[in-house]
Amino acid sequence: MMSSQFRGALGTAGTAFRYAFLLSGTLFFGIVALAVWRGWSAVSSVVPTASEPVQITVPELARLKPSNKAWKSGFGWQQEVQYGRIYDRDTDFRLLVTMPSQTLQNLSSASFTQLPDIREFARARYSYPQTHYDLETRFGPIRAAQFEADVDGRIKLCLGYASRFDNASFTYRGWFCEANGARPSPSALACMLDRLVIAGRLPSAGAQAFIDTMAKRPGRCTADPVSQTVDTRPPRPPRRL
């Protein structure tokens, strides 16, 4: 009698344990899903802003139709400056400025291959081996690389670029494509970026302080191919023990 009662109680306890386990698992995955959804919503949500302080004023781009927009997202504050259109035969220049939030300061190491997401560049091809360039401007160093964009059957030769500033509160990346068939000049790109102008106050105090300091430096725009030194000495024989 006692054994049957014990088995019955054990069975009831086991059933209760299984239900409790399933319930806790459901709650756990529900919490994880809610956290992921909230994180994705914070990053993907875009709130347009009226302030568009970053400008590029150079004669080479003055004849092209400009567009300018700024917004806030989970990444921080961003502004896109564009001259021309990628699907036209003419020159196209695009600059995406990002002032990351404090939790995303690692965006300063973003690569030029992480171009702003537009459909026309889905078939961009990077040459192998890639030709990289070290660009210098008054604001700091920039890394660039050549690539080809296949847009509606038309090949445009382009340079992708990304800032390598010491200050992580102000970063940018983008591309510069010349007219159909022409190869863009790294030196011309460096001089364009050197003439970046801030009209008004930036929404980031850190970025504003960085720009105020660097803008006082004299203009500087140079471009050199990235070189790699190689140790040409013969390998040393292994040491005998």
Protein backbone atom coordinates (compact mmCIF):
# COMPACT_ATOMS: atom_id res chain seq x y z
CA MET A 1 0.00 0.00 0.00
CA MET A 2 2.72 2.40 0.96
CA SER A 3 4.70 1.58 -2.15
CA SER A 4 1.75 2.30 -4.45
CA GLN A 5 1.11 5.59 -2.65
CA PHE A 6 4.79 6.45 -2.94
CA ARG A 7 4.81 5.66 -6.66
CA GLY A 8 1.70 7.73 -7.14
CA ALA A 9 3.22 10.68 -5.31
CA LEU A 10 6.42 10.28 -7.28
CA GLY A 11 4.50 10.23 -10.55
CA THR A 12 2.60 13.37 -9.58
CA ALA A 13 5.83 15.11 -8.62
CA GLY A 14 7.44 14.07 -11.91
CA THR A 15 4.50 15.42 -13.90
CA ALA A 16 4.60 18.69 -12.00
CA PHE A 17 8.34 18.95 -12.57
CA ARG A 18 7.96 18.39 -16.32
CA TYR A 19 5.29 21.06 -16.60
CA ALA A 20 7.37 23.46 -14.54
CA PHE A 21 10.37 22.77 -16.76
CA LEU A 22 8.35 23.38 -19.93
CA LEU A 23 6.88 26.55 -18.49
CA SER A 24 10.28 27.91 -17.45
CA GLY A 25 11.71 27.08 -20.88
CA THR A 26 8.83 28.85 -22.61
CA LEU A 27 9.32 31.92 -20.42
CA PHE A 28 13.08 31.89 -21.06
CA PHE A 29 12.75 31.76 -24.83
CA GLY A 30 10.01 34.36 -24.69
CA ILE A 31 12.30 36.73 -22.78
CA VAL A 32 15.14 36.09 -25.24
CA ALA A 33 12.86 36.69 -28.23
CA LEU A 34 11.56 39.92 -26.67
CA ALA A 35 15.12 41.16 -26.03
CA VAL A 36 16.18 40.35 -29.60
CA TRP A 37 13.11 42.09 -31.00
CA ARG A 38 13.69 45.19 -28.90
CA GLY A 39 17.38 45.29 -29.88
CA TRP A 40 16.58 44.93 -33.56
CA SER A 41 13.88 47.57 -33.34
CA ALA A 42 16.33 49.99 -31.72
CA VAL A 43 18.92 49.46 -34.45
CA SER A 44 16.57 49.37 -37.44
CA SER A 45 14.29 52.25 -36.46
CA VAL A 46 15.06 55.45 -38.32
CA VAL A 47 13.93 58.87 -37.14
CA PRO A 48 14.54 61.70 -39.67
CA THR A 49 16.13 64.87 -38.31
CA ALA A 50 16.05 68.42 -39.62
CA SER A 51 19.75 69.09 -39.03
CA GLU A 52 22.13 68.33 -41.94
CA PRO A 53 25.37 70.04 -40.90
CA VAL A 54 27.91 68.03 -42.93
CA GLN A 55 28.63 69.44 -46.40
CA ILE A 56 31.10 68.75 -49.21
CA THR A 57 31.71 71.87 -51.32
CA VAL A 58 34.08 71.22 -54.23
CA PRO A 59 33.95 72.47 -57.85
CA GLU A 60 34.15 68.92 -59.23
CA LEU A 61 30.76 68.09 -57.71
CA ALA A 62 28.99 71.45 -58.05
CA ARG A 63 27.37 70.57 -61.40
CA LEU A 64 25.79 67.37 -60.06
CA LYS A 65 22.37 67.09 -58.48
CA PRO A 66 22.86 66.89 -54.69
CA SER A 67 20.78 65.16 -52.03
CA ASN A 68 21.19 65.33 -48.28
CA LYS A 69 19.41 63.61 -45.41
CA ALA A 70 20.04 62.94 -41.74
CA TRP A 71 18.46 60.55 -39.25
CA LYS A 72 18.81 58.88 -35.87
CA SER A 73 18.89 55.13 -35.38
CA GLY A 74 20.17 52.53 -32.96
CA PHE A 75 23.65 53.12 -34.41
CA GLY A 76 23.59 56.77 -33.41
CA TRP A 77 23.27 59.89 -35.59
CA GLN A 78 23.88 59.53 -39.33
CA GLN A 79 23.90 61.78 -42.37
CA GLU A 80 24.17 60.88 -46.04
CA VAL A 81 25.51 63.31 -48.63
CA GLN A 82 25.23 62.35 -52.29
CA TYR A 83 26.12 64.02 -55.57
CA GLY A 84 24.94 62.44 -58.79
CA ARG A 85 23.31 59.04 -59.18
CA ILE A 86 24.99 55.66 -59.37
CA TYR A 87 22.86 54.54 -62.35
CA ASP A 88 23.79 57.60 -64.47
CA ARG A 89 26.80 57.75 -66.79
CA ASP A 90 28.17 60.69 -64.85
CA THR A 91 30.20 60.95 -61.65
CA ASP A 92 28.68 59.69 -58.40
CA PHE A 93 29.88 60.58 -54.90
CA ARG A 94 28.39 59.37 -51.63
CA LEU A 95 29.42 60.05 -48.04
CA LEU A 96 27.80 58.38 -45.03
CA VAL A 97 28.74 60.07 -41.75
CA THR A 98 28.13 58.20 -38.49
CA MET A 99 28.43 59.53 -34.97
CA PRO A 100 28.07 56.27 -33.05
CA SER A 101 26.38 55.95 -29.70
CA GLN A 102 28.67 55.23 -26.77
CA THR A 103 27.92 51.50 -26.99
CA LEU A 104 28.87 51.32 -30.68
CA GLN A 105 32.16 53.19 -30.79
CA ASN A 106 33.74 50.23 -32.59
CA LEU A 107 32.12 51.49 -35.79
CA SER A 108 35.29 53.52 -36.25
CA SER A 109 36.88 50.37 -37.67
CA ALA A 110 34.17 49.90 -40.30
CA SER A 111 35.52 48.78 -43.64
CA PHE A 112 34.91 50.43 -47.00
CA THR A 113 33.47 47.06 -48.06
CA GLN A 114 30.60 47.75 -45.63
CA LEU A 115 29.09 50.25 -48.03
CA PRO A 116 25.68 51.76 -47.28
CA ASP A 117 23.03 49.24 -48.26
CA ILE A 118 21.73 50.11 -51.72
CA ARG A 119 20.43 47.67 -54.27
CA GLU A 120 22.55 48.96 -57.16
CA PHE A 121 25.80 47.88 -55.46
CA ALA A 122 24.77 44.27 -54.88
CA ARG A 123 27.04 43.22 -57.75
CA ALA A 124 30.08 45.27 -56.82
CA ARG A 125 33.31 43.45 -57.63
CA TYR A 126 36.62 44.00 -55.87
CA SER A 127 39.71 43.25 -57.89
CA TYR A 128 42.16 40.63 -56.72
CA PRO A 129 44.65 41.50 -55.51
CA GLN A 130 42.95 44.65 -54.30
CA THR A 131 44.63 47.99 -54.88
CA HIS A 132 44.53 49.90 -51.60
CA TYR A 133 45.45 53.52 -50.95
CA ASP A 134 46.43 55.52 -47.89
CA LEU A 135 44.73 58.91 -48.09
CA GLU A 136 45.64 61.85 -45.87
CA THR A 137 43.37 64.81 -45.07
CA ARG A 138 43.38 67.54 -42.45
CA PHE A 139 40.93 65.42 -40.43
CA GLY A 140 43.10 62.32 -40.44
CA PRO A 141 43.90 59.17 -42.46
CA ILE A 142 41.50 57.35 -44.78
CA ARG A 143 41.83 53.94 -46.40
CA ALA A 144 40.48 53.41 -49.94
CA ALA A 145 40.30 50.56 -52.44
CA GLN A 146 39.32 50.17 -56.07
CA PHE A 147 36.22 48.25 -57.11
CA GLU A 148 33.85 47.95 -60.07
CA ALA A 149 30.09 48.48 -59.89
CA ASP A 150 27.86 46.65 -62.40
CA VAL A 151 24.81 48.91 -62.63
CA ASP A 152 22.15 47.94 -65.18
CA GLY A 153 24.81 46.40 -67.40
CA ARG A 154 27.09 49.44 -67.19
CA ILE A 155 30.45 49.11 -65.45
CA LYS A 156 31.57 52.07 -63.37
CA LEU A 157 35.03 52.23 -61.82
CA CYS A 158 34.91 53.34 -58.20
CA LEU A 159 36.86 53.89 -55.02
CA GLY A 160 35.39 52.74 -51.74
CA TYR A 161 36.73 54.56 -48.69
CA ALA A 162 36.49 54.57 -44.89
CA SER A 163 37.91 56.93 -42.29
CA ARG A 164 40.62 55.77 -39.91
CA PHE A 165 40.47 58.66 -37.45
CA ASP A 166 41.83 58.30 -33.93
CA ASN A 167 38.56 59.73 -32.58
CA ALA A 168 35.73 57.17 -32.69
CA SER A 169 32.96 59.74 -32.21
CA PHE A 170 33.07 60.85 -35.87
CA THR A 171 33.44 58.33 -38.71
CA TYR A 172 32.46 58.07 -42.33
CA ARG A 173 32.61 55.79 -45.34
CA GLY A 174 31.30 55.80 -48.90
CA TRP A 175 32.36 55.70 -52.52
CA PHE A 176 33.46 57.84 -55.44
CA CYS A 177 32.69 56.69 -59.00
CA GLU A 178 33.80 58.57 -62.07
CA ALA A 179 31.89 58.88 -65.33
CA ASN A 180 31.36 55.70 -67.31
CA GLY A 181 34.72 54.14 -68.21
CA ALA A 182 36.94 56.58 -66.29
CA ARG A 183 39.01 55.55 -63.30
CA PRO A 184 38.67 57.80 -60.21
CA SER A 185 41.74 59.51 -58.83
CA PRO A 186 42.67 58.70 -55.20
CA SER A 187 44.28 62.14 -54.90
CA ALA A 188 41.10 63.85 -56.12
CA LEU A 189 39.09 61.87 -53.58
CA ALA A 190 41.46 62.87 -50.78
CA CYS A 191 41.08 66.54 -51.71
CA MET A 192 37.29 66.26 -51.78
CA LEU A 193 37.22 64.78 -48.30
CA ASP A 194 39.72 67.36 -47.08
CA ARG A 195 37.17 70.08 -47.91
CA LEU A 196 34.48 68.69 -45.65
CA VAL A 197 32.58 71.58 -44.05
CA ILE A 198 30.42 71.62 -40.92
CA ALA A 199 27.57 74.15 -41.17
CA GLY A 200 26.09 74.41 -37.67
CA ARG A 201 26.55 72.33 -34.56
CA LEU A 202 26.91 68.57 -34.56
CA PRO A 203 24.63 66.53 -32.28
CA SER A 204 27.64 64.88 -30.62
CA ALA A 205 29.86 66.95 -28.31
CA GLY A 206 32.77 64.59 -28.89
CA ALA A 207 32.42 64.82 -32.66
CA GLN A 208 32.11 68.61 -32.52
CA ALA A 209 35.28 68.93 -30.43
CA PHE A 210 37.15 66.66 -32.85
CA ILE A 211 36.02 68.61 -35.92
CA ASP A 212 36.76 71.99 -34.31
CA THR A 213 40.31 70.89 -33.58
CA MET A 214 41.07 69.22 -36.91
CA ALA A 215 39.47 71.92 -39.07
CA LYS A 216 42.10 74.40 -37.87
CA ARG A 217 44.85 72.37 -39.49
CA PRO A 218 46.09 73.40 -42.95
CA GLY A 219 44.61 71.62 -45.94
CA ARG A 220 46.27 68.34 -46.79
CA CYS A 221 45.30 65.82 -49.44
CA THR A 222 47.64 63.08 -50.57
CA ALA A 223 47.19 59.49 -51.72
CA ASP A 224 49.76 56.71 -51.86
CA PRO A 225 49.37 53.02 -52.72
CA VAL A 226 49.56 50.82 -49.66
CA SER A 227 52.95 49.13 -49.59
CA GLN A 228 53.97 46.02 -47.72
CA THR A 229 57.55 45.43 -46.59
CA VAL A 230 58.80 41.86 -46.67
CA ASP A 231 61.70 40.37 -44.76
CA THR A 232 64.07 39.18 -47.51
CA ARG A 233 66.66 37.70 -45.17
CA PRO A 234 67.14 33.93 -45.53
CA PRO A 235 65.41 31.88 -42.83
CA ARG A 236 67.54 31.04 -39.86
CA PRO A 237 68.41 27.36 -39.32
CA PRO A 238 66.65 25.75 -36.38
CA ARG A 239 68.53 25.84 -33.13
CA ARG A 240 69.97 22.57 -31.93
CA LEU A 241 68.96 21.48 -28.49
